[in-house]
Amino acid sequence: MQTDPLNSLHDIALPAAVSPWPPALGWWLVLLGGILILGLSIFFVLRSYRRQQKRRIYLQALAQLEPEHSTAYYAAVNRLLKQAVLAYRGPAAKTLSGQAWLNYLDQQVGQALFIPACGNFATAVDNPHVKLDANMLHSTCEQWLRAIK
């Protein structure tokens, strides 16, 4: 009796399965790039939020002031603008007053906001009889606070 030659064959030995770990160099670079982009995005968002925080504080303080034709209102607005300039630009404009102060404010935002519309604001703190539209001054200050960087 002759044996079947197929019975003496062995199964094909398959190689071990390829492991997904550790990934190839390209995947490490993709992961590193993703982490870098995520980190930079978080950094820039937080930096922008902190920069905008000062602006939000000053705009909120301005919103709390009620526009009225009084020396106290003009003094409060002037003090708020001085504080904002100190926060954004440092003590360079601490001693400015009058037209020089308004020119400085306009220079900081690159627009003529105060000189044409609120030129009388330069003397409104010292002279209660100055004709000045308090609502116009309020909106001009708001524009200035939004424009300064």
N, C-alpha and C. Protein backbone atom coordinates (compact mmCIF):
# COMPACT_ATOMS: atom_id res chain seq x y z
N MET A 1 0.80 -1.16 0.00
CA MET A 1 0.00 0.00 0.00
C MET A 1 0.87 1.25 0.00
N GLN A 2 0.48 2.03 -0.83
CA GLN A 2 1.26 3.26 -1.01
C GLN A 2 0.57 4.40 -0.28
N THR A 3 1.37 5.25 0.42
CA THR A 3 0.79 6.37 1.17
C THR A 3 0.60 7.56 0.25
N ASP A 4 -0.31 8.34 0.66
CA ASP A 4 -0.62 9.54 -0.14
C ASP A 4 0.49 10.56 0.06
N PRO A 5 1.15 11.02 -1.01
CA PRO A 5 2.25 11.99 -0.84
C PRO A 5 1.78 13.36 -0.34
N LEU A 6 0.53 13.63 -0.45
CA LEU A 6 0.03 14.93 0.02
C LEU A 6 -0.01 15.00 1.55
N ASN A 7 -0.10 13.84 2.17
CA ASN A 7 -0.13 13.81 3.62
C ASN A 7 1.21 14.21 4.23
N SER A 8 2.27 14.08 3.53
CA SER A 8 3.58 14.42 4.06
C SER A 8 3.93 15.90 3.90
N LEU A 9 3.07 16.67 3.25
CA LEU A 9 3.31 18.12 3.09
C LEU A 9 2.99 18.85 4.38
N HIS A 10 3.78 19.82 4.68
CA HIS A 10 3.53 20.65 5.87
C HIS A 10 2.83 21.93 5.45
N ASP A 11 2.12 22.52 6.43
CA ASP A 11 1.44 23.79 6.15
C ASP A 11 2.47 24.88 5.84
N ILE A 12 2.00 25.87 5.10
CA ILE A 12 2.89 27.00 4.77
C ILE A 12 3.07 27.84 6.02
N ALA A 13 4.29 28.13 6.34
CA ALA A 13 4.58 28.95 7.54
C ALA A 13 4.45 30.42 7.15
N LEU A 14 3.44 31.08 7.72
CA LEU A 14 3.21 32.50 7.43
C LEU A 14 4.06 33.35 8.35
N PRO A 15 4.50 34.52 7.86
CA PRO A 15 5.28 35.40 8.74
C PRO A 15 4.37 36.00 9.81
N ALA A 16 4.99 36.48 10.87
CA ALA A 16 4.22 37.10 11.95
C ALA A 16 3.53 38.35 11.42
N ALA A 17 2.39 38.71 12.02
CA ALA A 17 1.64 39.90 11.59
C ALA A 17 2.47 41.15 11.86
N VAL A 18 2.33 42.09 10.96
CA VAL A 18 3.07 43.34 11.11
C VAL A 18 2.41 44.17 12.21
N SER A 19 3.22 44.61 13.16
CA SER A 19 2.70 45.38 14.30
C SER A 19 2.57 46.85 13.92
N PRO A 20 1.49 47.50 14.36
CA PRO A 20 1.36 48.93 14.06
C PRO A 20 2.27 49.80 14.94
N TRP A 21 2.88 49.18 15.93
CA TRP A 21 3.75 49.96 16.82
C TRP A 21 5.14 49.40 16.74
N PRO A 22 6.14 50.16 16.63
CA PRO A 22 6.23 51.62 16.53
C PRO A 22 5.96 52.07 15.10
N PRO A 23 5.31 53.22 14.98
CA PRO A 23 5.00 53.72 13.63
C PRO A 23 6.27 54.12 12.88
N ALA A 24 6.13 54.25 11.61
CA ALA A 24 7.24 54.64 10.76
C ALA A 24 7.59 56.11 11.00
N LEU A 25 8.74 56.52 10.54
CA LEU A 25 9.26 57.87 10.75
C LEU A 25 8.29 58.93 10.23
N GLY A 26 7.65 58.70 9.13
CA GLY A 26 6.71 59.66 8.56
C GLY A 26 5.56 59.96 9.50
N TRP A 27 5.05 58.92 10.17
CA TRP A 27 3.95 59.14 11.11
C TRP A 27 4.41 59.92 12.34
N TRP A 28 5.65 59.71 12.77
CA TRP A 28 6.20 60.50 13.88
C TRP A 28 6.29 61.97 13.49
N LEU A 29 6.69 62.23 12.25
CA LEU A 29 6.78 63.62 11.79
C LEU A 29 5.40 64.27 11.69
N VAL A 30 4.41 63.52 11.24
CA VAL A 30 3.05 64.04 11.18
C VAL A 30 2.54 64.36 12.58
N LEU A 31 2.78 63.47 13.52
CA LEU A 31 2.37 63.69 14.91
C LEU A 31 3.08 64.91 15.50
N LEU A 32 4.36 65.02 15.28
CA LEU A 32 5.12 66.17 15.78
C LEU A 32 4.61 67.47 15.16
N GLY A 33 4.33 67.47 13.87
CA GLY A 33 3.79 68.66 13.20
C GLY A 33 2.43 69.04 13.75
N GLY A 34 1.56 68.05 14.00
CA GLY A 34 0.24 68.33 14.57
C GLY A 34 0.33 68.92 15.96
N ILE A 35 1.22 68.38 16.79
CA ILE A 35 1.41 68.92 18.14
C ILE A 35 1.96 70.34 18.07
N LEU A 36 2.87 70.58 17.17
CA LEU A 36 3.44 71.91 17.01
C LEU A 36 2.38 72.92 16.57
N ILE A 37 1.56 72.56 15.61
CA ILE A 37 0.49 73.45 15.13
C ILE A 37 -0.52 73.70 16.24
N LEU A 38 -0.89 72.68 16.97
CA LEU A 38 -1.83 72.84 18.08
C LEU A 38 -1.26 73.76 19.16
N GLY A 39 0.01 73.56 19.51
CA GLY A 39 0.65 74.39 20.52
C GLY A 39 0.74 75.85 20.10
N LEU A 40 1.13 76.09 18.86
CA LEU A 40 1.21 77.47 18.36
C LEU A 40 -0.16 78.12 18.30
N SER A 41 -1.17 77.35 17.91
CA SER A 41 -2.53 77.90 17.87
C SER A 41 -2.99 78.32 19.26
N ILE A 42 -2.76 77.48 20.24
CA ILE A 42 -3.14 77.82 21.62
C ILE A 42 -2.38 79.05 22.09
N PHE A 43 -1.08 79.11 21.79
CA PHE A 43 -0.27 80.26 22.19
C PHE A 43 -0.81 81.56 21.61
N PHE A 44 -1.11 81.57 20.31
CA PHE A 44 -1.57 82.80 19.67
C PHE A 44 -2.98 83.19 20.11
N VAL A 45 -3.82 82.22 20.36
CA VAL A 45 -5.17 82.53 20.85
C VAL A 45 -5.10 83.13 22.24
N LEU A 46 -4.29 82.57 23.11
CA LEU A 46 -4.15 83.11 24.46
C LEU A 46 -3.52 84.50 24.45
N ARG A 47 -2.54 84.70 23.60
CA ARG A 47 -1.89 86.01 23.50
C ARG A 47 -2.88 87.06 23.01
N SER A 48 -3.68 86.71 22.03
CA SER A 48 -4.69 87.63 21.52
C SER A 48 -5.74 87.92 22.59
N TYR A 49 -6.14 86.91 23.32
CA TYR A 49 -7.13 87.10 24.37
C TYR A 49 -6.60 88.05 25.45
N ARG A 50 -5.35 87.87 25.84
CA ARG A 50 -4.76 88.75 26.85
C ARG A 50 -4.63 90.18 26.34
N ARG A 51 -4.27 90.35 25.10
CA ARG A 51 -4.18 91.70 24.53
C ARG A 51 -5.55 92.37 24.48
N GLN A 52 -6.55 91.61 24.14
CA GLN A 52 -7.90 92.15 24.06
C GLN A 52 -8.51 92.40 25.44
N GLN A 53 -7.95 91.76 26.46
CA GLN A 53 -8.49 91.92 27.80
C GLN A 53 -8.36 93.36 28.28
N LYS A 54 -7.22 94.00 28.01
CA LYS A 54 -7.06 95.41 28.38
C LYS A 54 -8.12 96.26 27.70
N ARG A 55 -8.30 96.02 26.42
CA ARG A 55 -9.27 96.79 25.65
C ARG A 55 -10.68 96.60 26.22
N ARG A 56 -11.01 95.36 26.55
CA ARG A 56 -12.33 95.10 27.13
C ARG A 56 -12.52 95.83 28.46
N ILE A 57 -11.49 95.89 29.27
CA ILE A 57 -11.58 96.57 30.56
C ILE A 57 -11.82 98.06 30.35
N TYR A 58 -11.08 98.68 29.45
CA TYR A 58 -11.23 100.13 29.22
C TYR A 58 -12.58 100.45 28.55
N LEU A 59 -13.01 99.60 27.63
CA LEU A 59 -14.32 99.82 27.01
C LEU A 59 -15.45 99.67 28.03
N GLN A 60 -15.30 98.73 28.95
CA GLN A 60 -16.30 98.55 29.99
C GLN A 60 -16.32 99.75 30.94
N ALA A 61 -15.14 100.27 31.27
CA ALA A 61 -15.08 101.46 32.13
C ALA A 61 -15.70 102.67 31.43
N LEU A 62 -15.47 102.80 30.13
CA LEU A 62 -16.08 103.89 29.38
C LEU A 62 -17.60 103.74 29.32
N ALA A 63 -18.05 102.52 29.17
CA ALA A 63 -19.50 102.28 29.10
C ALA A 63 -20.19 102.62 30.43
N GLN A 64 -19.46 102.53 31.52
CA GLN A 64 -20.04 102.87 32.81
C GLN A 64 -20.19 104.38 33.01
N LEU A 65 -19.44 105.15 32.23
CA LEU A 65 -19.56 106.60 32.32
C LEU A 65 -20.77 107.06 31.52
N GLU A 66 -21.59 107.84 32.11
CA GLU A 66 -22.78 108.36 31.43
C GLU A 66 -22.42 109.68 30.74
N PRO A 67 -22.56 109.77 29.40
CA PRO A 67 -22.20 111.00 28.70
C PRO A 67 -23.07 112.17 29.17
N GLU A 68 -22.43 113.19 29.67
CA GLU A 68 -23.14 114.39 30.10
C GLU A 68 -22.21 115.58 29.95
N HIS A 69 -22.79 116.73 29.83
CA HIS A 69 -22.00 117.96 29.67
C HIS A 69 -21.62 118.47 31.06
N SER A 70 -20.54 117.91 31.60
CA SER A 70 -20.05 118.35 32.91
C SER A 70 -18.54 118.18 32.97
N THR A 71 -17.94 118.99 33.80
CA THR A 71 -16.48 118.92 33.95
C THR A 71 -16.08 117.57 34.54
N ALA A 72 -16.90 117.02 35.42
CA ALA A 72 -16.57 115.73 36.03
C ALA A 72 -16.52 114.62 34.98
N TYR A 73 -17.47 114.65 34.05
CA TYR A 73 -17.46 113.64 32.98
C TYR A 73 -16.22 113.78 32.10
N TYR A 74 -15.90 114.99 31.72
CA TYR A 74 -14.73 115.23 30.87
C TYR A 74 -13.45 114.82 31.60
N ALA A 75 -13.36 115.09 32.88
CA ALA A 75 -12.19 114.70 33.66
C ALA A 75 -12.09 113.18 33.75
N ALA A 76 -13.23 112.51 33.93
CA ALA A 76 -13.23 111.05 34.02
C ALA A 76 -12.80 110.42 32.69
N VAL A 77 -13.28 110.98 31.59
CA VAL A 77 -12.90 110.47 30.27
C VAL A 77 -11.41 110.72 30.03
N ASN A 78 -10.94 111.89 30.39
CA ASN A 78 -9.53 112.23 30.22
C ASN A 78 -8.66 111.28 31.05
N ARG A 79 -9.06 111.01 32.30
CA ARG A 79 -8.32 110.10 33.17
C ARG A 79 -8.30 108.69 32.57
N LEU A 80 -9.43 108.25 32.04
CA LEU A 80 -9.51 106.93 31.42
C LEU A 80 -8.57 106.83 30.22
N LEU A 81 -8.55 107.86 29.39
CA LEU A 81 -7.65 107.87 28.22
C LEU A 81 -6.19 107.88 28.66
N LYS A 82 -5.87 108.64 29.71
CA LYS A 82 -4.49 108.66 30.22
C LYS A 82 -4.09 107.28 30.72
N GLN A 83 -4.99 106.61 31.44
CA GLN A 83 -4.69 105.26 31.93
C GLN A 83 -4.48 104.29 30.77
N ALA A 84 -5.29 104.41 29.74
CA ALA A 84 -5.15 103.52 28.59
C ALA A 84 -3.82 103.77 27.88
N VAL A 85 -3.45 105.03 27.74
CA VAL A 85 -2.17 105.35 27.10
C VAL A 85 -1.02 104.82 27.94
N LEU A 86 -1.11 104.95 29.25
CA LEU A 86 -0.06 104.42 30.12
C LEU A 86 0.03 102.90 29.98
N ALA A 87 -1.09 102.24 29.88
CA ALA A 87 -1.10 100.78 29.75
C ALA A 87 -0.55 100.32 28.41
N TYR A 88 -0.87 101.04 27.34
CA TYR A 88 -0.45 100.62 26.01
C TYR A 88 0.91 101.17 25.60
N ARG A 89 1.23 102.39 25.96
CA ARG A 89 2.43 103.05 25.45
C ARG A 89 3.46 103.43 26.51
N GLY A 90 3.12 103.31 27.77
CA GLY A 90 4.06 103.67 28.82
C GLY A 90 3.93 105.14 29.20
N PRO A 91 4.86 105.64 30.01
CA PRO A 91 4.71 106.98 30.58
C PRO A 91 5.09 108.14 29.65
N ALA A 92 5.24 107.91 28.38
CA ALA A 92 5.69 108.96 27.46
C ALA A 92 4.72 110.14 27.40
N ALA A 93 3.44 109.92 27.51
CA ALA A 93 2.44 110.98 27.36
C ALA A 93 1.85 111.43 28.70
N LYS A 94 2.54 111.13 29.77
CA LYS A 94 2.00 111.41 31.10
C LYS A 94 1.76 112.90 31.33
N THR A 95 2.61 113.74 30.79
CA THR A 95 2.53 115.18 31.05
C THR A 95 1.85 115.96 29.94
N LEU A 96 1.39 115.30 28.90
CA LEU A 96 0.77 116.02 27.79
C LEU A 96 -0.60 116.55 28.19
N SER A 97 -0.94 117.70 27.63
CA SER A 97 -2.28 118.27 27.84
C SER A 97 -2.60 119.17 26.66
N GLY A 98 -3.85 119.59 26.58
CA GLY A 98 -4.28 120.50 25.52
C GLY A 98 -4.22 119.86 24.15
N GLN A 99 -3.88 120.66 23.16
CA GLN A 99 -3.82 120.19 21.77
C GLN A 99 -2.74 119.12 21.58
N ALA A 100 -1.64 119.23 22.32
CA ALA A 100 -0.58 118.22 22.22
C ALA A 100 -1.10 116.84 22.63
N TRP A 101 -1.95 116.81 23.64
CA TRP A 101 -2.55 115.57 24.11
C TRP A 101 -3.47 114.98 23.04
N LEU A 102 -4.30 115.81 22.43
CA LEU A 102 -5.19 115.30 21.38
C LEU A 102 -4.41 114.86 20.15
N ASN A 103 -3.36 115.61 19.79
CA ASN A 103 -2.50 115.19 18.67
C ASN A 103 -1.87 113.84 18.96
N TYR A 104 -1.41 113.66 20.20
CA TYR A 104 -0.79 112.38 20.58
C TYR A 104 -1.79 111.24 20.47
N LEU A 105 -3.01 111.48 20.94
CA LEU A 105 -4.05 110.43 20.85
C LEU A 105 -4.31 110.05 19.39
N ASP A 106 -4.40 111.06 18.53
CA ASP A 106 -4.64 110.78 17.11
C ASP A 106 -3.46 110.05 16.48
N GLN A 107 -2.24 110.39 16.87
CA GLN A 107 -1.06 109.74 16.32
C GLN A 107 -1.00 108.27 16.71
N GLN A 108 -1.47 107.93 17.89
CA GLN A 108 -1.37 106.56 18.36
C GLN A 108 -2.24 105.59 17.56
N VAL A 109 -3.32 106.08 17.00
CA VAL A 109 -4.19 105.21 16.20
C VAL A 109 -4.06 105.46 14.70
N GLY A 110 -3.30 106.48 14.33
CA GLY A 110 -3.09 106.76 12.92
C GLY A 110 -4.30 107.37 12.23
N GLN A 111 -5.22 107.93 12.99
CA GLN A 111 -6.42 108.56 12.42
C GLN A 111 -6.66 109.87 13.15
N ALA A 112 -7.31 110.78 12.49
CA ALA A 112 -7.68 112.04 13.12
C ALA A 112 -9.07 111.87 13.73
N LEU A 113 -9.12 111.38 14.96
CA LEU A 113 -10.40 111.17 15.64
C LEU A 113 -10.77 112.37 16.51
N PHE A 114 -9.83 112.86 17.29
CA PHE A 114 -10.14 113.89 18.28
C PHE A 114 -10.06 115.31 17.71
N ILE A 115 -9.08 115.57 16.88
CA ILE A 115 -8.85 116.95 16.43
C ILE A 115 -10.05 117.52 15.66
N PRO A 116 -10.57 116.88 14.64
CA PRO A 116 -11.68 117.55 13.96
C PRO A 116 -12.99 117.54 14.77
N ALA A 117 -13.30 116.41 15.37
CA ALA A 117 -14.62 116.26 16.00
C ALA A 117 -14.67 116.79 17.43
N CYS A 118 -13.62 116.55 18.18
CA CYS A 118 -13.63 116.88 19.62
C CYS A 118 -12.45 117.77 19.99
N GLY A 119 -12.17 118.74 19.17
CA GLY A 119 -11.04 119.64 19.43
C GLY A 119 -11.19 120.44 20.71
N ASN A 120 -12.43 120.71 21.11
CA ASN A 120 -12.66 121.46 22.35
C ASN A 120 -12.39 120.62 23.60
N PHE A 121 -12.23 119.32 23.45
CA PHE A 121 -11.97 118.46 24.60
C PHE A 121 -10.65 118.83 25.27
N ALA A 122 -9.74 119.44 24.52
CA ALA A 122 -8.44 119.83 25.09
C ALA A 122 -8.60 120.81 26.24
N THR A 123 -9.63 121.65 26.20
CA THR A 123 -9.81 122.65 27.26
C THR A 123 -11.07 122.39 28.08
N ALA A 124 -11.79 121.31 27.82
CA ALA A 124 -13.06 121.06 28.49
C ALA A 124 -12.88 120.75 29.98
N VAL A 125 -11.77 120.19 30.36
CA VAL A 125 -11.54 119.87 31.77
C VAL A 125 -11.35 121.14 32.59
N ASP A 126 -10.68 122.13 32.01
CA ASP A 126 -10.40 123.37 32.74
C ASP A 126 -11.50 124.41 32.58
N ASN A 127 -12.26 124.35 31.52
CA ASN A 127 -13.26 125.37 31.24
C ASN A 127 -14.65 124.73 31.14
N PRO A 128 -15.52 124.91 32.13
CA PRO A 128 -16.83 124.27 32.09
C PRO A 128 -17.78 124.86 31.05
N HIS A 129 -17.44 126.00 30.46
CA HIS A 129 -18.33 126.66 29.50
C HIS A 129 -18.03 126.28 28.05
N VAL A 130 -17.18 125.30 27.86
CA VAL A 130 -16.82 124.86 26.51
C VAL A 130 -17.99 124.11 25.89
N LYS A 131 -18.25 124.40 24.63
CA LYS A 131 -19.31 123.69 23.89
C LYS A 131 -18.71 122.40 23.32
N LEU A 132 -19.22 121.29 23.79
CA LEU A 132 -18.72 119.99 23.36
C LEU A 132 -19.85 118.98 23.45
N ASP A 133 -20.02 118.21 22.42
CA ASP A 133 -21.05 117.18 22.40
C ASP A 133 -20.52 115.96 23.16
N ALA A 134 -21.11 115.68 24.31
CA ALA A 134 -20.64 114.59 25.17
C ALA A 134 -20.84 113.23 24.50
N ASN A 135 -21.92 113.06 23.75
CA ASN A 135 -22.14 111.80 23.04
C ASN A 135 -21.11 111.58 21.95
N MET A 136 -20.73 112.64 21.27
CA MET A 136 -19.70 112.55 20.23
C MET A 136 -18.35 112.19 20.87
N LEU A 137 -18.05 112.82 22.00
CA LEU A 137 -16.81 112.51 22.71
C LEU A 137 -16.82 111.05 23.16
N HIS A 138 -17.92 110.59 23.66
CA HIS A 138 -18.04 109.21 24.12
C HIS A 138 -17.79 108.23 22.96
N SER A 139 -18.43 108.46 21.83
CA SER A 139 -18.24 107.56 20.68
C SER A 139 -16.83 107.66 20.12
N THR A 140 -16.24 108.87 20.16
CA THR A 140 -14.86 109.04 19.69
C THR A 140 -13.90 108.27 20.59
N CYS A 141 -14.12 108.34 21.90
CA CYS A 141 -13.27 107.58 22.83
C CYS A 141 -13.41 106.08 22.60
N GLU A 142 -14.63 105.64 22.34
CA GLU A 142 -14.85 104.23 22.06
C GLU A 142 -14.13 103.81 20.78
N GLN A 143 -14.20 104.62 19.75
CA GLN A 143 -13.48 104.33 18.50
C GLN A 143 -11.97 104.27 18.75
N TRP A 144 -11.48 105.22 19.55
CA TRP A 144 -10.05 105.27 19.83
C TRP A 144 -9.62 104.02 20.59
N LEU A 145 -10.38 103.61 21.59
CA LEU A 145 -10.03 102.43 22.36
C LEU A 145 -10.06 101.17 21.51
N ARG A 146 -10.97 101.11 20.56
CA ARG A 146 -11.03 99.95 19.67
C ARG A 146 -9.88 99.95 18.65
N ALA A 147 -9.36 101.14 18.33
CA ALA A 147 -8.33 101.24 17.29
C ALA A 147 -6.92 101.08 17.83
N ILE A 148 -6.71 101.37 19.11
CA ILE A 148 -5.33 101.32 19.63
C ILE A 148 -4.89 99.86 19.77
N LYS A 149 -3.64 99.65 19.48
CA LYS A 149 -3.08 98.31 19.57
C LYS A 149 -1.88 98.29 20.47
